[in-house]
Amino acid sequence: MKQAYLIKQGVEELAPAREQFALIVAQLQSAAVLGMEHGEVERLVWREGTELLRRLLQAHFDLRTGREKREAGMRGADGVLRSQVRPGCPRRLESLFGAVEVRRCGYSAPEERSLFPLDGELNLPKDSYSHGLRERLASEVARGSFDEAVRAIETTTGGKIPKRQAEELTAKVSQDFEAFYEARAGQGPEETLDPLVLSEDGKVIVMLGKTCARGRSERPSGRVTSSRPASHPGRSAIASAWRRWRRCTALSGGFGRPSRSWAGKARKTRPSLERATNGCGPASSGRPSR
């Protein structure tokens, strides 16, 4: 009996979603779609499926609106009682699936801001862009420009964000960036034997012959050579030195040159190890030693 009541309760709100689902099923069974290529069917399912998800989200908000209890008045954090009740106040929300509408009760008083308890229950943002759309925007902006982010959202989601609003939302999303990392910062040195080693490898700088200084109009006749000497350690040598250096630190008790006992063993296993660590010596070939 309870299950039947729940199904009956959501019939009206979920009716548009059921109609959209029936439309998708009918289209997939039609003769026109059965003759399409897989890419065309894929685009059809994505387009109509996104609309189905939008209607499901809208149905959920409609259910929340119907379950919202109307109070005689609402007292805010400022202590002012708001006794004027306006049911069904709409607000637009741009989501990943498209635009939806949230209708809720508003409590107001003369010269006071209105309160909407359902906004707090749903944790709705102050603007009209959902948290899911904000997260997607932040991910796209981190990869490229604002124009590319706006284009990616329009082509891969059902939502839309203009470029100016995208710039403003990005600033809002990143406003807690410094506070986040300050809260995660360590209060003191970490008690560990494993050091944090930062290794940087400069890119090879291409040098021209002496004729390049005569003028831009003259074509340089010198041979293009590399400024990196043949004895410069390669990446494999640095990786190998990192593994050995970690063991060396554990034995010697800190940064600095390896202890004599360990260095003697290292020379026997890999003669160029210490020279590669100091930034000189021939580059090692092959895979780094384990």
Protein backbone atom coordinates (compact mmCIF):
# COMPACT_ATOMS: atom_id res chain seq x y z
CA MET A 1 0.00 0.00 0.00
CA LYS A 2 2.83 2.39 0.87
CA GLN A 3 4.68 1.60 -2.37
CA ALA A 4 1.52 2.24 -4.40
CA TYR A 5 1.07 5.57 -2.62
CA LEU A 6 4.61 6.66 -3.44
CA ILE A 7 4.14 5.76 -7.11
CA LYS A 8 0.85 7.65 -7.25
CA GLN A 9 2.40 10.63 -5.49
CA GLY A 10 5.05 11.08 -8.20
CA VAL A 11 2.80 10.47 -11.21
CA GLU A 12 2.14 14.13 -11.91
CA GLU A 13 5.69 15.36 -11.34
CA LEU A 14 7.35 12.53 -13.29
CA ALA A 15 4.88 12.56 -16.18
CA PRO A 16 7.09 14.74 -18.44
CA ALA A 17 10.07 12.44 -17.82
CA ARG A 18 8.00 9.36 -18.66
CA GLU A 19 6.82 11.02 -21.87
CA GLN A 20 10.41 11.79 -22.86
CA PHE A 21 11.51 8.22 -22.15
CA ALA A 22 8.62 6.85 -24.22
CA LEU A 23 9.64 9.21 -27.03
CA ILE A 24 13.20 7.88 -26.98
CA VAL A 25 12.00 4.28 -27.08
CA ALA A 26 9.64 5.04 -29.96
CA GLN A 27 12.39 6.80 -31.92
CA LEU A 28 14.84 3.94 -31.49
CA GLN A 29 12.25 1.53 -32.85
CA SER A 30 11.26 3.69 -35.82
CA ALA A 31 12.23 2.79 -39.37
CA ALA A 32 14.10 6.08 -39.85
CA VAL A 33 16.41 5.50 -36.87
CA LEU A 34 16.90 1.82 -37.74
CA GLY A 35 18.45 2.99 -41.01
CA MET A 36 20.87 5.46 -39.39
CA GLU A 37 24.58 5.02 -38.81
CA HIS A 38 25.81 4.47 -35.28
CA GLY A 39 27.12 8.05 -34.97
CA GLU A 40 23.73 9.51 -35.80
CA VAL A 41 22.02 7.19 -33.30
CA GLU A 42 24.60 8.15 -30.70
CA ARG A 43 23.91 11.86 -31.15
CA LEU A 44 20.17 11.23 -31.01
CA VAL A 45 20.39 9.29 -27.75
CA TRP A 46 22.71 11.90 -26.23
CA ARG A 47 20.44 14.80 -27.16
CA GLU A 48 17.19 13.19 -26.09
CA GLY A 49 18.81 11.49 -23.11
CA THR A 50 20.09 14.82 -21.80
CA GLU A 51 16.56 16.18 -22.03
CA LEU A 52 15.32 13.12 -20.12
CA LEU A 53 17.83 13.81 -17.33
CA ARG A 54 16.77 17.45 -17.22
CA ARG A 55 13.13 16.46 -16.81
CA LEU A 56 14.03 13.99 -14.06
CA LEU A 57 15.87 16.74 -12.19
CA GLN A 58 12.91 19.07 -12.69
CA ALA A 59 10.57 16.38 -11.39
CA HIS A 60 12.64 16.01 -8.25
CA PHE A 61 12.52 19.74 -7.58
CA ASP A 62 8.76 19.67 -8.12
CA LEU A 63 8.48 16.88 -5.56
CA ARG A 64 10.48 18.91 -3.08
CA THR A 65 8.21 21.88 -3.71
CA GLY A 66 5.11 19.80 -3.00
CA ARG A 67 6.61 18.46 0.24
CA GLU A 68 7.67 21.87 1.55
CA LYS A 69 5.71 22.75 4.65
CA ARG A 70 4.24 26.24 4.73
CA GLU A 71 4.89 28.03 7.99
CA ALA A 72 2.96 30.94 9.47
CA GLY A 73 6.15 32.94 9.69
CA MET A 74 9.90 32.58 9.57
CA ARG A 75 12.45 34.25 11.82
CA GLY A 76 15.85 34.89 10.31
CA ALA A 77 19.30 35.09 11.86
CA ASP A 78 18.76 38.81 12.41
CA GLY A 79 15.85 38.03 14.77
CA VAL A 80 13.20 39.68 12.55
CA LEU A 81 9.99 37.72 12.08
CA ARG A 82 8.87 37.50 8.47
CA SER A 83 5.15 36.82 8.46
CA GLN A 84 4.36 37.49 4.81
CA VAL A 85 4.33 34.16 2.96
CA ARG A 86 4.48 33.90 -0.83
CA PRO A 87 4.21 30.29 -2.08
CA GLY A 88 5.58 29.13 -5.39
CA CYS A 89 8.31 31.76 -5.85
CA PRO A 90 10.28 30.59 -8.93
CA ARG A 91 13.99 30.78 -9.53
CA ARG A 92 16.01 29.54 -12.50
CA LEU A 93 18.88 27.09 -12.13
CA GLU A 94 21.26 26.22 -14.97
CA SER A 95 22.37 22.62 -14.51
CA LEU A 96 24.52 20.11 -16.39
CA PHE A 97 21.37 18.89 -18.14
CA GLY A 98 19.86 22.28 -18.94
CA ALA A 99 17.75 24.94 -17.30
CA VAL A 100 15.30 23.93 -14.55
CA GLU A 101 13.02 25.90 -12.24
CA VAL A 102 12.76 25.66 -8.48
CA ARG A 103 9.55 26.91 -6.88
CA ARG A 104 9.55 27.53 -3.14
CA CYS A 105 7.90 29.51 -0.37
CA GLY A 106 9.24 32.97 0.35
CA TYR A 107 8.97 34.70 3.74
CA SER A 108 9.30 38.47 3.79
CA ALA A 109 8.83 41.53 5.94
CA PRO A 110 8.85 45.26 5.12
CA GLU A 111 12.37 46.51 4.30
CA GLU A 112 13.86 43.09 5.02
CA ARG A 113 15.42 40.45 2.82
CA SER A 114 13.17 37.54 1.92
CA LEU A 115 13.97 34.08 3.22
CA PHE A 116 13.63 30.87 1.21
CA PRO A 117 14.12 27.82 3.45
CA LEU A 118 14.10 25.40 0.51
CA ASP A 119 17.12 27.21 -0.97
CA GLY A 120 19.08 26.37 2.15
CA GLU A 121 17.79 22.80 2.19
CA LEU A 122 18.92 22.30 -1.41
CA ASN A 123 22.09 24.37 -0.85
CA LEU A 124 21.37 26.39 -3.97
CA PRO A 125 23.96 28.98 -5.03
CA LYS A 126 23.20 32.69 -4.98
CA ASP A 127 23.48 32.89 -8.77
CA SER A 128 21.76 30.67 -11.32
CA TYR A 129 24.53 28.12 -11.98
CA SER A 130 24.54 24.73 -10.26
CA HIS A 131 27.50 23.28 -8.40
CA GLY A 132 27.93 20.55 -11.01
CA LEU A 133 28.18 23.13 -13.77
CA ARG A 134 30.69 25.14 -11.72
CA GLU A 135 32.85 22.07 -11.21
CA ARG A 136 32.82 21.32 -14.91
CA LEU A 137 33.69 24.93 -15.73
CA ALA A 138 36.65 24.91 -13.32
CA SER A 139 37.95 21.71 -14.89
CA GLU A 140 37.69 23.13 -18.41
CA VAL A 141 39.23 26.50 -17.53
CA ALA A 142 42.23 24.76 -15.96
CA ARG A 143 42.89 23.08 -19.31
CA GLY A 144 42.64 26.06 -21.65
CA SER A 145 41.12 29.47 -22.30
CA PHE A 146 37.70 30.79 -21.35
CA ASP A 147 36.51 30.57 -24.96
CA GLU A 148 37.46 26.89 -25.10
CA ALA A 149 35.80 26.23 -21.74
CA VAL A 150 32.53 27.87 -22.81
CA ARG A 151 32.58 25.94 -26.08
CA ALA A 152 33.27 22.64 -24.29
CA ILE A 153 30.35 23.15 -21.89
CA GLU A 154 27.98 23.95 -24.74
CA THR A 155 29.00 20.88 -26.74
CA THR A 156 29.33 18.29 -23.95
CA THR A 157 26.58 19.31 -21.51
CA GLY A 158 23.05 20.65 -21.62
CA GLY A 159 23.98 23.84 -19.78
CA LYS A 160 25.19 27.17 -21.11
CA ILE A 161 27.47 29.77 -19.54
CA PRO A 162 28.37 33.02 -21.33
CA LYS A 163 32.03 34.03 -21.33
CA ARG A 164 31.66 36.94 -18.89
CA GLN A 165 29.75 34.79 -16.41
CA ALA A 166 32.38 32.06 -16.87
CA GLU A 167 35.11 34.49 -15.85
CA GLU A 168 33.15 35.59 -12.79
CA LEU A 169 32.36 32.02 -11.76
CA THR A 170 36.01 31.03 -12.09
CA ALA A 171 36.99 33.81 -9.69
CA LYS A 172 34.33 32.65 -7.22
CA VAL A 173 35.39 29.02 -7.46
CA SER A 174 39.05 29.88 -6.79
CA GLN A 175 38.43 32.34 -3.94
CA ASP A 176 39.28 29.74 -1.28
CA PHE A 177 42.45 28.58 -3.03
CA GLU A 178 44.94 30.21 -0.64
CA ALA A 179 42.92 29.39 2.48
CA PHE A 180 42.68 25.73 1.40
CA TYR A 181 46.44 25.32 1.15
CA GLU A 182 47.11 27.35 4.29
CA ALA A 183 44.92 24.93 6.23
CA ARG A 184 46.87 21.98 4.78
CA ALA A 185 50.29 23.50 5.43
CA GLY A 186 52.50 21.67 7.89
CA GLN A 187 53.10 23.19 11.30
CA GLY A 188 56.73 22.03 11.45
CA PRO A 189 59.33 19.80 9.83
CA GLU A 190 58.16 16.31 9.14
CA GLU A 191 59.88 13.55 11.07
CA THR A 192 61.03 11.21 8.33
CA LEU A 193 64.24 9.82 6.89
CA ASP A 194 63.03 10.18 3.30
CA PRO A 195 63.85 13.66 1.94
CA LEU A 196 61.86 15.56 -0.65
CA VAL A 197 64.17 15.99 -3.64
CA LEU A 198 63.24 18.35 -6.47
CA SER A 199 65.06 17.55 -9.70
CA GLU A 200 65.07 19.95 -12.65
CA ASP A 201 66.42 19.18 -16.09
CA GLY A 202 66.99 22.19 -18.35
CA LYS A 203 66.02 21.95 -21.98
CA VAL A 204 68.81 21.80 -24.53
CA ILE A 205 69.64 25.29 -25.88
CA VAL A 206 70.48 25.33 -29.56
CA MET A 207 73.50 27.55 -30.34
CA LEU A 208 74.45 29.03 -33.70
CA GLY A 209 77.87 29.81 -35.06
CA LYS A 210 79.73 33.11 -34.64
CA THR A 211 78.25 34.43 -37.88
CA CYS A 212 74.87 35.04 -36.21
CA ALA A 213 76.31 38.15 -34.56
CA ARG A 214 77.20 39.83 -37.87
CA GLY A 215 73.61 40.82 -38.63
CA ARG A 216 70.16 39.48 -39.13
CA SER A 217 70.34 39.88 -42.89
CA GLU A 218 73.26 37.46 -43.23
CA ARG A 219 72.61 33.80 -43.09
CA PRO A 220 74.64 32.07 -40.37
CA SER A 221 77.20 29.70 -41.80
CA GLY A 222 78.07 27.99 -38.52
CA ARG A 223 76.95 24.47 -37.83
CA VAL A 224 74.03 24.12 -35.40
CA THR A 225 75.33 22.50 -32.28
CA SER A 226 74.05 21.72 -28.83
CA SER A 227 75.17 23.70 -25.79
CA ARG A 228 74.87 20.64 -23.59
CA PRO A 229 78.21 18.88 -23.28
CA ALA A 230 78.51 15.20 -24.00
CA SER A 231 79.30 14.57 -20.33
CA HIS A 232 76.03 16.06 -19.11
CA PRO A 233 74.03 13.44 -17.18
CA GLY A 234 70.88 12.22 -18.83
CA ARG A 235 67.53 11.53 -17.24
CA SER A 236 68.40 7.91 -16.58
CA ALA A 237 71.46 8.94 -14.56
CA ILE A 238 69.39 11.39 -12.47
CA ALA A 239 66.75 8.77 -11.80
CA SER A 240 69.42 6.32 -10.78
CA ALA A 241 71.07 8.87 -8.53
CA TRP A 242 67.70 9.57 -6.87
CA ARG A 243 67.26 5.96 -5.85
CA ARG A 244 70.83 5.70 -4.53
CA TRP A 245 70.69 9.14 -2.95
CA ARG A 246 67.67 8.12 -0.93
CA ARG A 247 69.58 5.18 0.53
CA CYS A 248 72.59 7.40 1.09
CA THR A 249 70.49 9.87 3.08
CA ALA A 250 69.14 7.14 5.30
CA LEU A 251 72.70 6.00 6.07
CA SER A 252 74.40 9.36 6.50
CA GLY A 253 71.52 10.97 8.39
CA GLY A 254 70.93 14.05 6.22
CA PHE A 255 71.72 15.89 3.04
CA GLY A 256 75.31 16.18 1.93
CA ARG A 257 77.83 14.01 0.27
CA PRO A 258 77.64 10.25 0.77
CA SER A 259 79.59 8.68 3.54
CA ARG A 260 82.89 7.08 2.60
CA SER A 261 81.74 3.55 3.35
CA TRP A 262 78.65 3.89 1.21
CA ALA A 263 80.46 5.79 -1.53
CA GLY A 264 82.99 3.00 -1.87
CA LYS A 265 80.20 0.47 -2.42
CA ALA A 266 78.53 2.78 -4.90
CA ARG A 267 81.71 3.15 -6.98
CA LYS A 268 81.92 -0.61 -7.31
CA THR A 269 78.33 -0.98 -8.52
CA ARG A 270 78.14 2.17 -10.70
CA PRO A 271 81.31 4.26 -11.17
CA SER A 272 79.51 7.29 -12.69
CA LEU A 273 76.92 7.56 -9.92
CA GLU A 274 78.63 10.17 -7.75
CA ARG A 275 79.65 12.29 -10.73
CA ALA A 276 76.07 12.21 -12.08
CA THR A 277 74.77 13.35 -8.70
CA ASN A 278 77.11 16.35 -8.71
CA GLY A 279 76.03 17.36 -12.24
CA CYS A 280 79.14 16.28 -14.10
CA GLY A 281 80.59 13.14 -15.56
CA PRO A 282 79.49 10.92 -18.41
CA ALA A 283 75.83 10.08 -18.79
CA SER A 284 74.83 6.59 -17.87
CA SER A 285 73.26 4.40 -20.49
CA GLY A 286 70.46 1.90 -20.14
CA ARG A 287 67.85 1.71 -17.46
CA PRO A 288 68.49 3.08 -13.97
CA SER A 289 69.65 0.53 -11.43
CA ARG A 290 67.18 -0.56 -8.81
